[in-house]
């Protein structure tokens, strides 16, 4: 899934929705973030998977949580807090 361009996915989300496993994207992103691996490429992979899940299912709370965790790890605290507040509401 890492080679899938997010802009192309946005444009064709309805057409490819049945071919992409959103649950896999969320669980793999969680596993990558739980590994506490400090390498940036692992964080980028997790962020990409979380973004894919949110493109296909924008209201998926678990995907939103993984996305926020990625943002926190990337130092994007304000954006992460906004997402976490959305989840809380």
PDB file of N, CA and C in Angstrom:
ATOM      1  N   UNK A   1       0.809  -1.199   0.000  1.00  0.00           N
ATOM      2  CA  UNK A   1       0.000   0.000   0.000  1.00  0.00           C
ATOM      3  C   UNK A   1       0.858   1.273   0.000  1.00  0.00           C
ATOM      4  N   UNK A   2       2.124   1.145   0.355  1.00  0.00           N
ATOM      5  CA  UNK A   2       2.965   2.332   0.472  1.00  0.00           C
ATOM      6  C   UNK A   2       3.182   3.022  -0.864  1.00  0.00           C
ATOM      7  N   UNK A   3       3.079   2.274  -1.944  1.00  0.00           N
ATOM      8  CA  UNK A   3       3.303   2.866  -3.263  1.00  0.00           C
ATOM      9  C   UNK A   3       2.062   3.565  -3.816  1.00  0.00           C
ATOM     10  N   UNK A   4       0.938   3.466  -3.139  1.00  0.00           N
ATOM     11  CA  UNK A   4      -0.285   4.126  -3.595  1.00  0.00           C
ATOM     12  C   UNK A   4      -0.187   5.614  -3.290  1.00  0.00           C
ATOM     13  N   UNK A   5      -0.339   6.415  -4.329  1.00  0.00           N
ATOM     14  CA  UNK A   5      -0.304   7.869  -4.169  1.00  0.00           C
ATOM     15  C   UNK A   5      -1.609   8.337  -3.532  1.00  0.00           C
ATOM     16  N   UNK A   6      -1.508   9.161  -2.508  1.00  0.00           N
ATOM     17  CA  UNK A   6      -2.692   9.605  -1.779  1.00  0.00           C
ATOM     18  C   UNK A   6      -3.607  10.481  -2.636  1.00  0.00           C
ATOM     19  N   UNK A   7      -3.034  11.301  -3.499  1.00  0.00           N
ATOM     20  CA  UNK A   7      -3.857  12.140  -4.373  1.00  0.00           C
ATOM     21  C   UNK A   7      -4.672  11.293  -5.345  1.00  0.00           C
ATOM     22  N   UNK A   8      -4.049  10.242  -5.879  1.00  0.00           N
ATOM     23  CA  UNK A   8      -4.769   9.337  -6.777  1.00  0.00           C
ATOM     24  C   UNK A   8      -5.852   8.578  -6.020  1.00  0.00           C
ATOM     25  N   UNK A   9      -5.551   8.192  -4.794  1.00  0.00           N
ATOM     26  CA  UNK A   9      -6.531   7.485  -3.975  1.00  0.00           C
ATOM     27  C   UNK A   9      -7.739   8.375  -3.694  1.00  0.00           C
ATOM     28  N   UNK A  10      -7.484   9.646  -3.404  1.00  0.00           N
ATOM     29  CA  UNK A  10      -8.597  10.581  -3.176  1.00  0.00           C
ATOM     30  C   UNK A  10      -9.481  10.688  -4.416  1.00  0.00           C
ATOM     31  N   UNK A  11      -8.845  10.759  -5.570  1.00  0.00           N
ATOM     32  CA  UNK A  11      -9.586  10.924  -6.820  1.00  0.00           C
ATOM     33  C   UNK A  11     -10.408   9.691  -7.170  1.00  0.00           C
ATOM     34  N   UNK A  12      -9.929   8.513  -6.781  1.00  0.00           N
ATOM     35  CA  UNK A  12     -10.589   7.264  -7.166  1.00  0.00           C
ATOM     36  C   UNK A  12     -11.076   6.457  -5.970  1.00  0.00           C
ATOM     37  N   UNK A  13     -11.314   7.121  -4.870  1.00  0.00           N
ATOM     38  CA  UNK A  13     -11.661   6.435  -3.619  1.00  0.00           C
ATOM     39  C   UNK A  13     -12.882   5.539  -3.773  1.00  0.00           C
ATOM     40  N   UNK A  14     -13.916   6.015  -4.419  1.00  0.00           N
ATOM     41  CA  UNK A  14     -15.138   5.210  -4.567  1.00  0.00           C
ATOM     42  C   UNK A  14     -14.910   3.984  -5.437  1.00  0.00           C
ATOM     43  N   UNK A  15     -14.029   4.107  -6.419  1.00  0.00           N
ATOM     44  CA  UNK A  15     -13.777   2.996  -7.332  1.00  0.00           C
ATOM     45  C   UNK A  15     -12.920   1.894  -6.706  1.00  0.00           C
ATOM     46  N   UNK A  16     -12.002   2.268  -5.828  1.00  0.00           N
ATOM     47  CA  UNK A  16     -11.063   1.288  -5.282  1.00  0.00           C
ATOM     48  C   UNK A  16     -11.351   0.906  -3.833  1.00  0.00           C
ATOM     49  N   UNK A  17     -12.394   1.471  -3.269  1.00  0.00           N
ATOM     50  CA  UNK A  17     -12.701   1.249  -1.852  1.00  0.00           C
ATOM     51  C   UNK A  17     -12.797  -0.229  -1.481  1.00  0.00           C
ATOM     52  N   UNK A  18     -13.350  -1.032  -2.373  1.00  0.00           N
ATOM     53  CA  UNK A  18     -13.522  -2.459  -2.074  1.00  0.00           C
ATOM     54  C   UNK A  18     -12.223  -3.255  -2.191  1.00  0.00           C
ATOM     55  N   UNK A  19     -11.204  -2.660  -2.804  1.00  0.00           N
ATOM     56  CA  UNK A  19      -9.946  -3.381  -3.019  1.00  0.00           C
ATOM     57  C   UNK A  19      -8.908  -3.110  -1.944  1.00  0.00           C
ATOM     58  N   UNK A  20      -9.143  -2.127  -1.111  1.00  0.00           N
ATOM     59  CA  UNK A  20      -8.168  -1.758  -0.082  1.00  0.00           C
ATOM     60  C   UNK A  20      -8.743  -2.088   1.292  1.00  0.00           C
ATOM     61  N   UNK A  21      -7.971  -2.799   2.067  1.00  0.00           N
ATOM     62  CA  UNK A  21      -8.389  -3.241   3.394  1.00  0.00           C
ATOM     63  C   UNK A  21      -8.076  -2.149   4.423  1.00  0.00           C
ATOM     64  N   UNK A  22      -9.090  -1.391   4.767  1.00  0.00           N
ATOM     65  CA  UNK A  22      -8.920  -0.285   5.714  1.00  0.00           C
ATOM     66  C   UNK A  22      -8.518  -0.815   7.091  1.00  0.00           C
ATOM     67  N   UNK A  23      -9.082  -1.928   7.482  1.00  0.00           N
ATOM     68  CA  UNK A  23      -8.746  -2.509   8.788  1.00  0.00           C
ATOM     69  C   UNK A  23      -7.255  -2.845   8.849  1.00  0.00           C
ATOM     70  N   UNK A  24      -6.711  -3.378   7.755  1.00  0.00           N
ATOM     71  CA  UNK A  24      -5.274  -3.661   7.710  1.00  0.00           C
ATOM     72  C   UNK A  24      -4.478  -2.368   7.880  1.00  0.00           C
ATOM     73  N   UNK A  25      -4.878  -1.322   7.171  1.00  0.00           N
ATOM     74  CA  UNK A  25      -4.169  -0.038   7.258  1.00  0.00           C
ATOM     75  C   UNK A  25      -4.110   0.458   8.697  1.00  0.00           C
ATOM     76  N   UNK A  26      -5.231   0.372   9.390  1.00  0.00           N
ATOM     77  CA  UNK A  26      -5.300   0.862  10.766  1.00  0.00           C
ATOM     78  C   UNK A  26      -4.476  -0.020  11.707  1.00  0.00           C
ATOM     79  N   UNK A  27      -4.633  -1.327  11.599  1.00  0.00           N
ATOM     80  CA  UNK A  27      -3.914  -2.220  12.517  1.00  0.00           C
ATOM     81  C   UNK A  27      -2.404  -2.211  12.246  1.00  0.00           C
ATOM     82  N   UNK A  28      -2.015  -2.102  10.996  1.00  0.00           N
ATOM     83  CA  UNK A  28      -0.581  -2.047  10.674  1.00  0.00           C
ATOM     84  C   UNK A  28       0.018  -0.729  11.157  1.00  0.00           C
ATOM     85  N   UNK A  29      -0.701   0.366  10.982  1.00  0.00           N
ATOM     86  CA  UNK A  29      -0.218   1.654  11.484  1.00  0.00           C
ATOM     87  C   UNK A  29      -0.053   1.594  12.996  1.00  0.00           C
ATOM     88  N   UNK A  30      -1.016   0.995  13.685  1.00  0.00           N
ATOM     89  CA  UNK A  30      -0.929   0.852  15.141  1.00  0.00           C
ATOM     90  C   UNK A  30       0.277   0.012  15.537  1.00  0.00           C
ATOM     91  N   UNK A  31       0.475  -1.094  14.836  1.00  0.00           N
ATOM     92  CA  UNK A  31       1.608  -1.965  15.147  1.00  0.00           C
ATOM     93  C   UNK A  31       2.937  -1.247  14.928  1.00  0.00           C
ATOM     94  N   UNK A  32       3.032  -0.481  13.871  1.00  0.00           N
ATOM     95  CA  UNK A  32       4.263   0.264  13.602  1.00  0.00           C
ATOM     96  C   UNK A  32       4.516   1.315  14.678  1.00  0.00           C
ATOM     97  N   UNK A  33       3.462   1.990  15.106  1.00  0.00           N
ATOM     98  CA  UNK A  33       3.610   3.009  16.145  1.00  0.00           C
ATOM     99  C   UNK A  33       3.888   2.386  17.512  1.00  0.00           C
ATOM    100  N   UNK A  34       3.318   1.222  17.776  1.00  0.00           N
ATOM    101  CA  UNK A  34       3.542   0.534  19.052  1.00  0.00           C
ATOM    102  C   UNK A  34       4.954  -0.026  19.160  1.00  0.00           C
ATOM    103  N   UNK A  35       5.623  -0.228  18.035  1.00  0.00           N
ATOM    104  CA  UNK A  35       6.954  -0.829  18.058  1.00  0.00           C
ATOM    105  C   UNK A  35       8.004   0.092  18.663  1.00  0.00           C
ATOM    106  N   UNK A  36       7.661   1.381  18.825  1.00  0.00           N
ATOM    107  CA  UNK A  36       8.590   2.366  19.390  1.00  0.00           C
ATOM    108  C   UNK A  36       9.881   2.461  18.576  1.00  0.00           C
ATOM    109  N   UNK A  37       9.786   2.147  17.291  1.00  0.00           N
ATOM    110  CA  UNK A  37      10.933   2.242  16.399  1.00  0.00           C
ATOM    111  C   UNK A  37      11.135   3.708  16.032  1.00  0.00           C
ATOM    112  N   UNK A  38      12.287   4.265  16.324  1.00  0.00           N
ATOM    113  CA  UNK A  38      12.493   5.690  16.088  1.00  0.00           C
ATOM    114  C   UNK A  38      12.792   6.064  14.625  1.00  0.00           C
ATOM    115  N   UNK A  39      12.905   5.091  13.754  1.00  0.00           N
ATOM    116  CA  UNK A  39      13.267   5.388  12.370  1.00  0.00           C
ATOM    117  C   UNK A  39      12.150   6.149  11.658  1.00  0.00           C
ATOM    118  N   UNK A  40      12.537   7.166  10.918  1.00  0.00           N
ATOM    119  CA  UNK A  40      11.572   8.022  10.243  1.00  0.00           C
ATOM    120  C   UNK A  40      10.802   7.298   9.150  1.00  0.00           C
ATOM    121  N   UNK A  41      11.423   6.336   8.483  1.00  0.00           N
ATOM    122  CA  UNK A  41      10.711   5.633   7.418  1.00  0.00           C
ATOM    123  C   UNK A  41       9.565   4.783   7.976  1.00  0.00           C
ATOM    124  N   UNK A  42       9.719   4.261   9.181  1.00  0.00           N
ATOM    125  CA  UNK A  42       8.639   3.513   9.826  1.00  0.00           C
ATOM    126  C   UNK A  42       7.491   4.457  10.169  1.00  0.00           C
ATOM    127  N   UNK A  43       7.826   5.621  10.683  1.00  0.00           N
ATOM    128  CA  UNK A  43       6.810   6.623  11.004  1.00  0.00           C
ATOM    129  C   UNK A  43       6.092   7.091   9.735  1.00  0.00           C
ATOM    130  N   UNK A  44       6.833   7.300   8.656  1.00  0.00           N
ATOM    131  CA  UNK A  44       6.214   7.698   7.389  1.00  0.00           C
ATOM    132  C   UNK A  44       5.271   6.626   6.876  1.00  0.00           C
ATOM    133  N   UNK A  45       5.652   5.365   7.031  1.00  0.00           N
ATOM    134  CA  UNK A  45       4.809   4.249   6.600  1.00  0.00           C
ATOM    135  C   UNK A  45       3.499   4.242   7.390  1.00  0.00           C
ATOM    136  N   UNK A  46       3.609   4.380   8.702  1.00  0.00           N
ATOM    137  CA  UNK A  46       2.417   4.399   9.549  1.00  0.00           C
ATOM    138  C   UNK A  46       1.523   5.593   9.203  1.00  0.00           C
ATOM    139  N   UNK A  47       2.121   6.746   8.963  1.00  0.00           N
ATOM    140  CA  UNK A  47       1.366   7.947   8.617  1.00  0.00           C
ATOM    141  C   UNK A  47       0.643   7.766   7.280  1.00  0.00           C
ATOM    142  N   UNK A  48       1.320   7.166   6.327  1.00  0.00           N
ATOM    143  CA  UNK A  48       0.728   6.905   5.014  1.00  0.00           C
ATOM    144  C   UNK A  48      -0.476   5.964   5.150  1.00  0.00           C
ATOM    145  N   UNK A  49      -0.325   4.913   5.933  1.00  0.00           N
ATOM    146  CA  UNK A  49      -1.433   3.970   6.126  1.00  0.00           C
ATOM    147  C   UNK A  49      -2.617   4.632   6.823  1.00  0.00           C
ATOM    148  N   UNK A  50      -2.346   5.462   7.824  1.00  0.00           N
ATOM    149  CA  UNK A  50      -3.426   6.159   8.519  1.00  0.00           C
ATOM    150  C   UNK A  50      -4.144   7.121   7.574  1.00  0.00           C
ATOM    151  N   UNK A  51      -3.383   7.812   6.730  1.00  0.00           N
ATOM    152  CA  UNK A  51      -3.993   8.715   5.762  1.00  0.00           C
ATOM    153  C   UNK A  51      -4.853   7.948   4.758  1.00  0.00           C
ATOM    154  N   UNK A  52      -4.381   6.810   4.301  1.00  0.00           N
ATOM    155  CA  UNK A  52      -5.167   5.989   3.375  1.00  0.00           C
ATOM    156  C   UNK A  52      -6.491   5.591   4.012  1.00  0.00           C
ATOM    157  N   UNK A  53      -6.432   5.135   5.249  1.00  0.00           N
ATOM    158  CA  UNK A  53      -7.647   4.712   5.948  1.00  0.00           C
ATOM    159  C   UNK A  53      -8.623   5.874   6.076  1.00  0.00           C
ATOM    160  N   UNK A  54      -8.115   7.060   6.355  1.00  0.00           N
ATOM    161  CA  UNK A  54      -8.993   8.218   6.519  1.00  0.00           C
ATOM    162  C   UNK A  54      -9.565   8.705   5.191  1.00  0.00           C
ATOM    163  N   UNK A  55      -8.853   8.510   4.126  1.00  0.00           N
ATOM    164  CA  UNK A  55      -9.388   8.873   2.813  1.00  0.00           C
ATOM    165  C   UNK A  55     -10.581   7.986   2.486  1.00  0.00           C
ATOM    166  N   UNK A  56     -10.447   6.705   2.790  1.00  0.00           N
ATOM    167  CA  UNK A  56     -11.506   5.751   2.460  1.00  0.00           C
ATOM    168  C   UNK A  56     -12.641   5.763   3.473  1.00  0.00           C
ATOM    169  N   UNK A  57     -12.323   6.009   4.734  1.00  0.00           N
ATOM    170  CA  UNK A  57     -13.335   6.058   5.799  1.00  0.00           C
ATOM    171  C   UNK A  57     -13.033   7.248   6.704  1.00  0.00           C
ATOM    172  N   UNK A  58     -13.473   8.446   6.308  1.00  0.00           N
ATOM    173  CA  UNK A  58     -13.123   9.670   7.041  1.00  0.00           C
ATOM    174  C   UNK A  58     -13.588   9.708   8.496  1.00  0.00           C
ATOM    175  N   UNK A  59     -14.587   8.935   8.853  1.00  0.00           N
ATOM    176  CA  UNK A  59     -15.103   8.967  10.224  1.00  0.00           C
ATOM    177  C   UNK A  59     -14.617   7.782  11.062  1.00  0.00           C
ATOM    178  N   UNK A  60     -13.632   7.057  10.576  1.00  0.00           N
ATOM    179  CA  UNK A  60     -13.089   5.911  11.284  1.00  0.00           C
ATOM    180  C   UNK A  60     -12.267   6.409  12.480  1.00  0.00           C
ATOM    181  N   UNK A  61     -12.785   6.191  13.661  1.00  0.00           N
ATOM    182  CA  UNK A  61     -12.150   6.706  14.884  1.00  0.00           C
ATOM    183  C   UNK A  61     -10.765   6.101  15.133  1.00  0.00           C
ATOM    184  N   UNK A  62     -10.616   4.813  14.863  1.00  0.00           N
ATOM    185  CA  UNK A  62      -9.314   4.187  15.077  1.00  0.00           C
ATOM    186  C   UNK A  62      -8.275   4.736  14.111  1.00  0.00           C
ATOM    187  N   UNK A  63      -8.688   5.006  12.879  1.00  0.00           N
ATOM    188  CA  UNK A  63      -7.779   5.608  11.908  1.00  0.00           C
ATOM    189  C   UNK A  63      -7.403   7.020  12.342  1.00  0.00           C
ATOM    190  N   UNK A  64      -8.376   7.756  12.868  1.00  0.00           N
ATOM    191  CA  UNK A  64      -8.104   9.106  13.353  1.00  0.00           C
ATOM    192  C   UNK A  64      -7.102   9.073  14.511  1.00  0.00           C
ATOM    193  N   UNK A  65      -7.254   8.085  15.379  1.00  0.00           N
ATOM    194  CA  UNK A  65      -6.340   7.961  16.513  1.00  0.00           C
ATOM    195  C   UNK A  65      -4.915   7.672  16.046  1.00  0.00           C
ATOM    196  N   UNK A  66      -4.754   6.752  15.103  1.00  0.00           N
ATOM    197  CA  UNK A  66      -3.416   6.438  14.597  1.00  0.00           C
ATOM    198  C   UNK A  66      -2.811   7.640  13.878  1.00  0.00           C
ATOM    199  N   UNK A  67      -3.659   8.369  13.157  1.00  0.00           N
ATOM    200  CA  UNK A  67      -3.214   9.580  12.474  1.00  0.00           C
ATOM    201  C   UNK A  67      -2.695  10.603  13.497  1.00  0.00           C
ATOM    202  N   UNK A  68      -3.443  10.789  14.580  1.00  0.00           N
ATOM    203  CA  UNK A  68      -3.031  11.729  15.622  1.00  0.00           C
ATOM    204  C   UNK A  68      -1.744  11.271  16.296  1.00  0.00           C
ATOM    205  N   UNK A  69      -1.604   9.983  16.520  1.00  0.00           N
ATOM    206  CA  UNK A  69      -0.369   9.456  17.125  1.00  0.00           C
ATOM    207  C   UNK A  69       0.828   9.738  16.225  1.00  0.00           C
ATOM    208  N   UNK A  70       0.626   9.576  14.918  1.00  0.00           N
ATOM    209  CA  UNK A  70       1.699   9.881  13.965  1.00  0.00           C
ATOM    210  C   UNK A  70       2.075  11.359  14.034  1.00  0.00           C
ATOM    211  N   UNK A  71       1.059  12.200  14.094  1.00  0.00           N
ATOM    212  CA  UNK A  71       1.329  13.633  14.163  1.00  0.00           C
ATOM    213  C   UNK A  71       2.094  13.992  15.427  1.00  0.00           C
ATOM    214  N   UNK A  72       1.746  13.380  16.543  1.00  0.00           N
ATOM    215  CA  UNK A  72       2.479  13.634  17.786  1.00  0.00           C
ATOM    216  C   UNK A  72       3.936  13.228  17.643  1.00  0.00           C
ATOM    217  N   UNK A  73       4.169  12.076  17.050  1.00  0.00           N
ATOM    218  CA  UNK A  73       5.544  11.607  16.863  1.00  0.00           C
ATOM    219  C   UNK A  73       6.329  12.506  15.910  1.00  0.00           C
ATOM    220  N   UNK A  74       5.629  13.125  14.974  1.00  0.00           N
ATOM    221  CA  UNK A  74       6.281  14.012  14.004  1.00  0.00           C
ATOM    222  C   UNK A  74       6.463  15.421  14.563  1.00  0.00           C
ATOM    223  N   UNK A  75       5.951  15.672  15.772  1.00  0.00           N
ATOM    224  CA  UNK A  75       6.091  16.976  16.394  1.00  0.00           C
ATOM    225  C   UNK A  75       4.994  17.956  16.007  1.00  0.00           C
ATOM    226  N   UNK A  76       3.932  17.469  15.394  1.00  0.00           N
ATOM    227  CA  UNK A  76       2.811  18.313  14.965  1.00  0.00           C
ATOM    228  C   UNK A  76       1.726  18.285  16.050  1.00  0.00           C
ATOM    229  N   UNK A  77       2.073  18.802  17.192  1.00  0.00           N
ATOM    230  CA  UNK A  77       1.233  18.706  18.391  1.00  0.00           C
ATOM    231  C   UNK A  77      -0.129  19.375  18.231  1.00  0.00           C
ATOM    232  N   UNK A  78      -0.167  20.581  17.677  1.00  0.00           N
ATOM    233  CA  UNK A  78      -1.435  21.305  17.546  1.00  0.00           C
ATOM    234  C   UNK A  78      -2.431  20.554  16.661  1.00  0.00           C
ATOM    235  N   UNK A  79      -1.937  20.043  15.540  1.00  0.00           N
ATOM    236  CA  UNK A  79      -2.811  19.280  14.644  1.00  0.00           C
ATOM    237  C   UNK A  79      -3.283  17.999  15.312  1.00  0.00           C
ATOM    238  N   UNK A  80      -2.386  17.342  16.030  1.00  0.00           N
ATOM    239  CA  UNK A  80      -2.750  16.103  16.717  1.00  0.00           C
ATOM    240  C   UNK A  80      -3.816  16.355  17.775  1.00  0.00           C
ATOM    241  N   UNK A  81      -3.670  17.429  18.520  1.00  0.00           N
ATOM    242  CA  UNK A  81      -4.664  17.752  19.552  1.00  0.00           C
ATOM    243  C   UNK A  81      -6.022  18.065  18.934  1.00  0.00           C
ATOM    244  N   UNK A  82      -6.028  18.716  17.775  1.00  0.00           N
ATOM    245  CA  UNK A  82      -7.284  18.998  17.091  1.00  0.00           C
ATOM    246  C   UNK A  82      -7.986  17.700  16.706  1.00  0.00           C
ATOM    247  N   UNK A  83      -7.228  16.749  16.176  1.00  0.00           N
ATOM    248  CA  UNK A  83      -7.797  15.457  15.792  1.00  0.00           C
ATOM    249  C   UNK A  83      -8.303  14.705  17.029  1.00  0.00           C
ATOM    250  N   UNK A  84      -7.532  14.724  18.094  1.00  0.00           N
ATOM    251  CA  UNK A  84      -7.944  14.051  19.322  1.00  0.00           C
ATOM    252  C   UNK A  84      -9.202  14.690  19.923  1.00  0.00           C
ATOM    253  N   UNK A  85      -9.330  15.992  19.810  1.00  0.00           N
ATOM    254  CA  UNK A  85     -10.548  16.663  20.266  1.00  0.00           C
ATOM    255  C   UNK A  85     -11.751  16.241  19.420  1.00  0.00           C
ATOM    256  N   UNK A  86     -11.533  16.083  18.112  1.00  0.00           N
ATOM    257  CA  UNK A  86     -12.605  15.606  17.229  1.00  0.00           C
ATOM    258  C   UNK A  86     -13.057  14.206  17.638  1.00  0.00           C
ATOM    259  N   UNK A  87     -12.102  13.365  17.983  1.00  0.00           N
ATOM    260  CA  UNK A  87     -12.421  12.009  18.411  1.00  0.00           C
ATOM    261  C   UNK A  87     -13.222  12.067  19.718  1.00  0.00           C
ATOM    262  N   UNK A  88     -12.799  12.910  20.631  1.00  0.00           N
ATOM    263  CA  UNK A  88     -13.463  13.023  21.935  1.00  0.00           C
ATOM    264  C   UNK A  88     -14.911  13.474  21.803  1.00  0.00           C
ATOM    265  N   UNK A  89     -15.161  14.374  20.862  1.00  0.00           N
ATOM    266  CA  UNK A  89     -16.535  14.864  20.656  1.00  0.00           C
ATOM    267  C   UNK A  89     -17.377  13.764  20.091  1.00  0.00           C
TER     268      UNK A  89
END
